[in-house]
Protein backbone atom coordinates (compact mmCIF):
# COMPACT_ATOMS: atom_id res chain seq x y z
CA MET A 1 -3.76 15.11 -4.75
CA PHE A 2 -4.33 13.76 -9.14
CA SER A 3 -4.53 10.46 -8.00
CA PRO A 4 -4.99 8.06 -5.01
CA PHE A 5 -6.29 5.12 -6.48
CA LEU A 6 -3.35 2.67 -7.32
CA ARG A 7 -2.98 0.66 -4.61
CA THR A 8 0.15 2.22 -3.39
CA ALA A 9 -1.01 6.07 -4.42
CA VAL A 10 -3.54 5.44 -1.67
CA ILE A 11 -1.21 4.66 1.13
CA ILE A 12 0.40 8.09 -0.57
CA ALA A 13 -2.29 10.02 -0.82
CA ILE A 14 -3.26 9.88 3.34
CA SER A 15 0.24 10.63 4.16
CA LEU A 16 -0.03 14.20 2.42
CA ASN A 17 -2.89 14.11 4.07
CA SER A 18 -1.60 13.73 6.98
CA LEU A 19 0.45 16.79 6.31
CA SER A 20 -2.27 19.68 5.63
CA CYS A 21 -4.20 18.39 8.72
CA VAL A 22 -0.65 19.35 10.46
CA GLU A 23 -0.53 22.42 9.09
CA THR A 24 -4.62 23.07 9.74
CA GLU A 25 -4.04 22.61 13.62
CA GLN A 26 -3.78 26.76 14.59
CA ALA A 27 -6.65 27.91 12.69
CA PRO A 28 -9.76 29.27 14.61
CA GLN A 29 -12.25 26.54 15.78
CA TRP A 30 -15.04 27.77 12.96
CA VAL A 31 -12.56 26.64 10.03
CA LYS A 32 -13.80 23.54 8.44
CA ASN A 33 -10.03 20.86 8.68
CA TYR A 34 -11.95 17.89 7.21
CA ILE A 35 -13.16 16.29 3.97
CA SER A 36 -16.81 14.93 4.61
CA PRO A 37 -17.07 11.49 2.48
CA PRO A 38 -18.83 11.95 -0.44
CA LYS A 39 -22.82 10.93 -0.36
CA GLN A 40 -22.50 7.82 -1.09
CA LEU A 41 -26.07 5.69 -3.41
CA LYS A 42 -27.90 3.26 -1.95
CA TYR A 43 -26.49 -0.20 -3.33
CA PRO A 44 -26.85 -3.48 -2.78
CA ALA A 45 -24.41 -6.25 -2.45
CA SER A 46 -24.90 -9.06 -4.52
CA ALA A 47 -26.05 -12.03 -2.32
CA THR A 48 -24.88 -14.91 -4.65
CA ALA A 49 -20.95 -13.65 -5.35
CA LEU A 50 -18.87 -11.87 -3.74
CA ARG A 51 -18.26 -9.01 -6.39
CA VAL A 52 -14.12 -8.15 -6.02
CA CYS A 53 -13.25 -4.32 -7.95
CA ALA A 54 -9.72 -4.89 -8.69
CA ASP A 55 -6.96 -4.20 -11.27
CA PRO A 56 -5.68 -6.89 -13.83
CA ASN A 57 -2.08 -5.97 -13.43
CA ASN A 58 -1.09 -4.25 -10.58
CA MET A 59 1.02 -7.94 -9.02
CA PRO A 60 1.80 -7.98 -5.88
CA PHE A 61 -2.24 -7.05 -5.61
CA SER A 62 -3.61 -8.45 -8.51
CA ASN A 63 -4.28 -9.60 -11.74
CA GLN A 64 -6.54 -11.01 -14.15
CA LYS A 65 -5.27 -14.73 -13.43
CA GLY A 66 -5.73 -13.90 -10.33
CA GLU A 67 -2.11 -14.80 -9.06
CA GLY A 68 -2.13 -11.48 -6.53
CA PHE A 69 -2.09 -11.98 -2.98
CA GLU A 70 -5.22 -9.55 -3.15
CA ASN A 71 -6.89 -12.46 -5.10
CA LYS A 72 -5.57 -15.29 -2.91
CA ILE A 73 -7.75 -13.83 -0.22
CA ALA A 74 -10.41 -12.70 -1.82
CA ASN A 75 -11.22 -16.37 -3.12
CA LEU A 76 -10.53 -17.48 1.08
CA ILE A 77 -13.23 -14.39 2.09
CA ALA A 78 -15.60 -16.35 -0.55
CA SER A 79 -15.10 -19.85 0.35
CA GLU A 80 -15.88 -18.86 4.57
CA MET A 81 -19.13 -16.97 2.96
CA ASP A 82 -20.44 -20.28 0.43
CA LEU A 83 -19.60 -18.07 -2.79
CA PRO A 84 -18.17 -17.41 -5.98
CA VAL A 85 -15.49 -14.49 -6.96
CA GLU A 86 -17.09 -12.16 -9.47
CA TYR A 87 -14.71 -9.05 -10.37
CA LEU A 88 -14.94 -6.02 -11.80
CA TRP A 89 -11.73 -5.55 -13.87
CA TRP A 90 -10.85 -1.79 -13.42
CA ALA A 91 -7.28 0.10 -13.83
CA GLU A 92 -6.67 1.77 -10.46
CA ARG A 93 -6.40 5.05 -11.86
CA ARG A 94 -7.83 8.31 -11.02
CA GLY A 95 -12.30 7.60 -10.48
CA PHE A 96 -11.11 4.58 -9.90
CA PHE A 97 -13.37 4.35 -6.45
CA ARG A 98 -16.02 6.26 -8.12
CA ASN A 99 -16.78 3.95 -11.53
CA THR A 100 -16.19 0.57 -9.14
CA LEU A 101 -17.25 0.50 -5.70
CA ARG A 102 -18.82 3.98 -5.42
CA ALA A 103 -21.36 2.75 -8.82
CA GLY A 104 -22.71 0.24 -7.30
CA LYS A 105 -20.74 -2.07 -9.70
CA CYS A 106 -18.49 -4.45 -7.37
CA ASP A 107 -18.74 -5.04 -3.65
CA VAL A 108 -14.99 -5.22 -2.13
CA VAL A 109 -11.58 -3.96 -2.27
CA ILE A 110 -9.42 -6.05 -1.08
CA GLY A 111 -6.77 -3.49 0.79
CA VAL A 112 -7.42 -0.17 1.74
CA PRO A 113 -5.85 1.75 3.81
CA ALA A 114 -7.93 2.50 7.41
CA SER A 115 -10.32 4.52 7.66
CA PHE A 116 -10.43 5.01 4.38
CA GLU A 117 -12.46 8.57 3.14
CA LEU A 118 -13.93 6.43 0.30
CA ALA A 119 -15.01 3.82 1.73
CA ALA A 120 -15.89 1.69 4.93
CA THR A 121 -12.99 -0.34 5.90
CA THR A 122 -12.93 -3.61 8.05
CA ARG A 123 -10.11 -3.90 11.11
CA PRO A 124 -6.60 -4.01 9.17
CA TYR A 125 -6.01 -7.92 8.04
CA TYR A 126 -2.21 -6.41 7.73
CA ARG A 127 0.43 -3.64 7.93
CA SER A 128 3.84 -3.14 6.09
CA THR A 129 5.40 -0.37 5.96
CA TYR A 130 8.03 1.64 2.93
CA VAL A 131 11.70 -0.14 3.31
CA PHE A 132 14.75 0.94 1.78
CA VAL A 133 16.04 -1.41 -0.99
CA SER A 134 19.51 -2.07 -1.82
CA ARG A 135 21.59 -4.74 -4.00
CA SER A 136 23.04 -7.46 -0.65
CA ASP A 137 26.74 -7.33 -2.01
CA ARG A 138 26.81 -3.48 -1.87
CA HIS A 139 26.31 -4.08 1.94
CA LEU A 140 25.20 -0.73 2.15
CA GLY A 141 22.98 -1.36 5.76
CA ILE A 142 20.84 1.46 5.23
CA ASN A 143 18.23 1.56 7.53
CA SER A 144 17.62 5.46 8.31
CA LEU A 145 16.81 8.29 6.86
CA GLU A 146 19.77 10.20 8.80
CA ASP A 147 21.99 8.31 7.43
CA PRO A 148 24.58 10.58 6.14
CA ARG A 149 25.73 8.51 3.13
CA LEU A 150 22.61 9.05 1.88
CA LYS A 151 23.64 12.30 0.41
CA THR A 152 26.07 10.95 -1.36
CA MET A 153 23.42 8.84 -3.19
CA LYS A 154 21.30 8.77 -6.27
CA ILE A 155 18.25 7.16 -3.94
CA GLY A 156 14.56 6.29 -6.32
CA VAL A 157 11.06 7.11 -4.92
CA GLN A 158 7.88 6.74 -6.24
CA MET A 159 6.36 9.41 -8.19
CA ILE A 160 2.83 9.25 -8.39
CA GLY A 161 0.34 10.43 -11.27
CA ASP A 162 1.91 12.11 -14.67
CA ASP A 163 1.96 15.12 -12.93
CA GLY A 164 4.95 13.43 -10.58
CA THR A 165 3.45 13.96 -7.29
CA ASN A 166 5.36 13.16 -4.39
CA ALA A 167 4.86 10.90 -2.20
CA PRO A 168 6.51 10.29 1.27
CA PRO A 169 9.88 9.36 0.84
CA ALA A 170 10.56 12.10 -1.64
CA HIS A 171 8.72 14.81 0.80
CA ALA A 172 11.23 13.25 3.58
CA LEU A 173 14.13 13.41 1.73
CA THR A 174 13.35 16.67 0.46
CA ASN A 175 12.81 17.95 3.81
CA ARG A 176 16.41 16.80 4.38
CA GLY A 177 18.16 18.50 1.39
CA MET A 178 18.45 16.33 -0.07
CA ILE A 179 17.04 17.18 -3.92
CA ASP A 180 19.66 17.02 -6.47
CA ASN A 181 20.27 12.65 -6.06
CA ILE A 182 16.49 12.01 -6.26
CA ARG A 183 15.46 9.89 -9.30
CA GLY A 184 11.20 9.56 -8.97
CA TYR A 185 9.94 6.63 -10.69
CA THR A 186 6.06 6.71 -11.48
CA LEU A 187 3.95 4.32 -10.30
CA TYR A 188 1.70 3.93 -12.86
CA GLY A 189 4.08 3.10 -15.72
CA ASP A 190 3.14 1.98 -18.83
CA TYR A 191 0.46 -0.17 -18.06
CA SER A 192 0.77 -2.13 -21.46
CA GLU A 193 3.61 -4.25 -20.09
CA THR A 194 3.50 -6.10 -17.15
CA ASP A 195 3.82 -5.33 -13.52
CA PRO A 196 4.67 -1.37 -14.88
CA PRO A 197 5.79 -0.26 -10.65
CA ALA A 198 8.21 -2.85 -11.21
CA ARG A 199 11.25 -0.81 -12.21
CA ILE A 200 12.29 1.02 -9.01
CA VAL A 201 13.14 -2.29 -8.26
CA ASP A 202 15.22 -2.86 -11.52
CA ALA A 203 16.79 0.49 -10.82
CA VAL A 204 18.58 -0.53 -8.07
CA VAL A 205 19.95 -4.23 -9.48
CA LYS A 206 20.77 -2.32 -12.12
CA GLY A 207 23.08 0.22 -10.48
CA ASP A 208 20.92 3.49 -12.01
CA VAL A 209 20.17 3.69 -8.03
CA ASP A 210 22.42 3.01 -4.86
CA VAL A 211 19.15 2.52 -3.04
CA ALA A 212 15.27 2.74 -3.18
CA VAL A 213 12.61 3.98 -1.14
CA VAL A 214 9.80 1.08 -1.67
CA TRP A 215 6.26 0.89 -0.63
CA GLY A 216 7.02 -2.63 0.87
CA PRO A 217 4.67 -5.61 -0.65
CA LEU A 218 5.94 -4.07 -3.98
CA ALA A 219 9.36 -4.26 -2.64
CA GLY A 220 9.38 -7.20 -1.40
CA TYR A 221 7.35 -9.01 -4.21
CA PHE A 222 9.58 -8.00 -6.77
CA ALA A 223 12.67 -7.78 -4.54
CA SER A 224 12.53 -11.96 -4.50
CA LYS A 225 12.01 -11.98 -8.74
CA GLN A 226 15.65 -10.98 -8.81
CA ALA A 227 18.54 -12.78 -9.91
CA VAL A 228 20.78 -10.40 -8.20
CA PRO A 229 19.49 -10.44 -4.07
CA LEU A 230 18.41 -8.00 -3.01
CA THR A 231 18.65 -6.13 1.06
CA ILE A 232 15.22 -4.85 2.12
CA THR A 233 15.05 -2.74 5.30
CA PRO A 234 12.01 -0.67 7.14
CA VAL A 235 12.23 2.78 7.00
CA SER A 236 12.82 3.88 10.07
CA PRO A 237 11.76 6.47 11.83
CA GLU A 238 7.86 4.57 11.40
CA ILE A 239 7.19 8.84 11.59
CA ASP A 240 8.87 10.97 10.62
CA LYS A 241 8.08 14.66 12.00
CA PRO A 242 6.19 16.10 11.95
CA TYR A 243 3.45 13.60 11.11
CA LEU A 244 4.54 12.13 7.61
CA PRO A 245 3.92 7.66 8.92
CA PHE A 246 5.80 5.25 6.58
CA VAL A 247 3.78 2.37 8.16
CA TYR A 248 0.11 1.37 7.42
CA ASP A 249 -2.72 -0.34 8.62
CA ILE A 250 -4.44 -1.80 5.15
CA SER A 251 -8.35 -3.47 5.14
CA VAL A 252 -11.08 -4.27 3.10
CA GLY A 253 -13.23 -1.71 1.74
CA VAL A 254 -17.56 -2.04 1.45
CA ARG A 255 -19.35 0.93 0.81
CA ARG A 256 -21.13 2.63 3.01
CA GLY A 257 -24.15 1.42 4.67
CA GLU A 258 -23.16 -2.30 4.26
CA ASP A 259 -22.58 -2.74 7.56
CA ASP A 260 -23.67 -6.72 7.09
CA LEU A 261 -21.05 -7.11 4.40
CA ARG A 262 -18.44 -5.36 6.32
CA GLN A 263 -19.63 -7.46 10.09
CA ARG A 264 -19.07 -10.48 7.88
CA ILE A 265 -15.93 -10.01 6.26
CA ASP A 266 -14.54 -8.65 9.46
CA GLU A 267 -15.50 -12.44 11.31
CA ILE A 268 -13.53 -13.85 8.85
CA LEU A 269 -10.67 -11.90 8.67
CA ASP A 270 -10.74 -12.37 12.53
CA LYS A 271 -10.89 -16.02 11.83
CA LYS A 272 -8.54 -16.52 9.10
CA GLN A 273 -5.77 -14.64 10.58
CA ALA A 274 -3.28 -17.53 10.26
CA GLU A 275 -3.90 -18.71 6.56
CA ILE A 276 -3.55 -14.29 5.36
CA ARG A 277 -0.69 -14.03 7.18
CA SER A 278 0.76 -17.05 5.40
CA ILE A 279 -0.84 -15.57 2.00
CA LEU A 280 1.46 -12.58 2.54
CA ASN A 281 4.53 -13.92 4.14
CA SER A 282 4.82 -16.35 0.39
CA TYR A 283 4.74 -13.18 -1.14
CA HIS A 284 7.51 -11.40 0.72
CA VAL A 285 5.20 -8.54 2.12
CA PRO A 286 7.67 -7.34 4.61
CA ALA A 287 6.56 -6.47 8.35
CA PRO A 288 6.85 -3.18 9.76
CA ARG A 289 10.18 -2.81 12.22
CA THR A 290 8.37 -3.21 15.44
CA GLU A 291 6.54 -5.95 14.85
CA GLN A 292 9.51 -7.49 13.77
CA THR A 293 11.54 -7.41 17.15
CA ALA A 294 7.55 -8.36 18.60
CA GLN A 295 7.92 -11.39 16.79
CA ILE A 296 11.35 -12.18 17.81
CA ALA A 297 10.32 -11.85 21.99
CA ILE A 298 7.59 -13.94 21.55
CA THR A 299 10.60 -16.65 19.95
CA LYS A 300 12.32 -16.66 23.13
CA GLU A 301 9.58 -16.65 25.12
CA GLY A 302 8.15 -19.40 23.73
CA ALA A 303 11.35 -21.36 22.93
């Protein structure tokens, strides 16, 4: 992987690593089939502030104005700890974790995949999914990678970095022979612009693509900002065989060895579940189809 450090790119990198694990399952037992976590120098966490590493131009997650949902969650955690929030702003590109959290310049990253190898992670505080995005006025109703209509459509997918590394949707679609109709949109975009990852959603609105497959928090937020109504549907299947997940658990990351800090944040995440869910809902973060089905069932039982 070129760069797993833009928030969405981290999630994509986990998927690609999962594929590598599948390929090595038949190797002899003495072959090392995992990546050891990098050694971590000991930097004590601040006792006077919640020091957060964040991107200043990465909505809906964070920005320098504090408008992202991760900014709101950082405020919630800091308030419970009776500490102010202090930010280290750093563009989430190659070297983000090396130059921020692991260098001891900040102590927390709000929003990393669970079991992330470059940090110690808390309990997951939300779960989201890749989604299909299309114009509502087209009534496409695409909800599965197996939909035969995809073979004749222009499909937008997210690409990682300047080398255009494939993301999970691109892998899944090319595995089904849909190569020529894929249009790639880089997650990085032009960083001098506001909201560079939004270009893939803009392409759906403009009709440059018929449908796009987008990481849910990005899709939900930017779709809500469009003048044209858009339909968002979780990708099915949630795990594409042999093992390419489209649904991910997201946690808070701290430096390895900061067990007290991680435990304290775990307690706050557990205590503030309802407030966190309210924040996520206000940013239109979609839940996986399985969670939506469970919620419907709970609602019916409680009616």
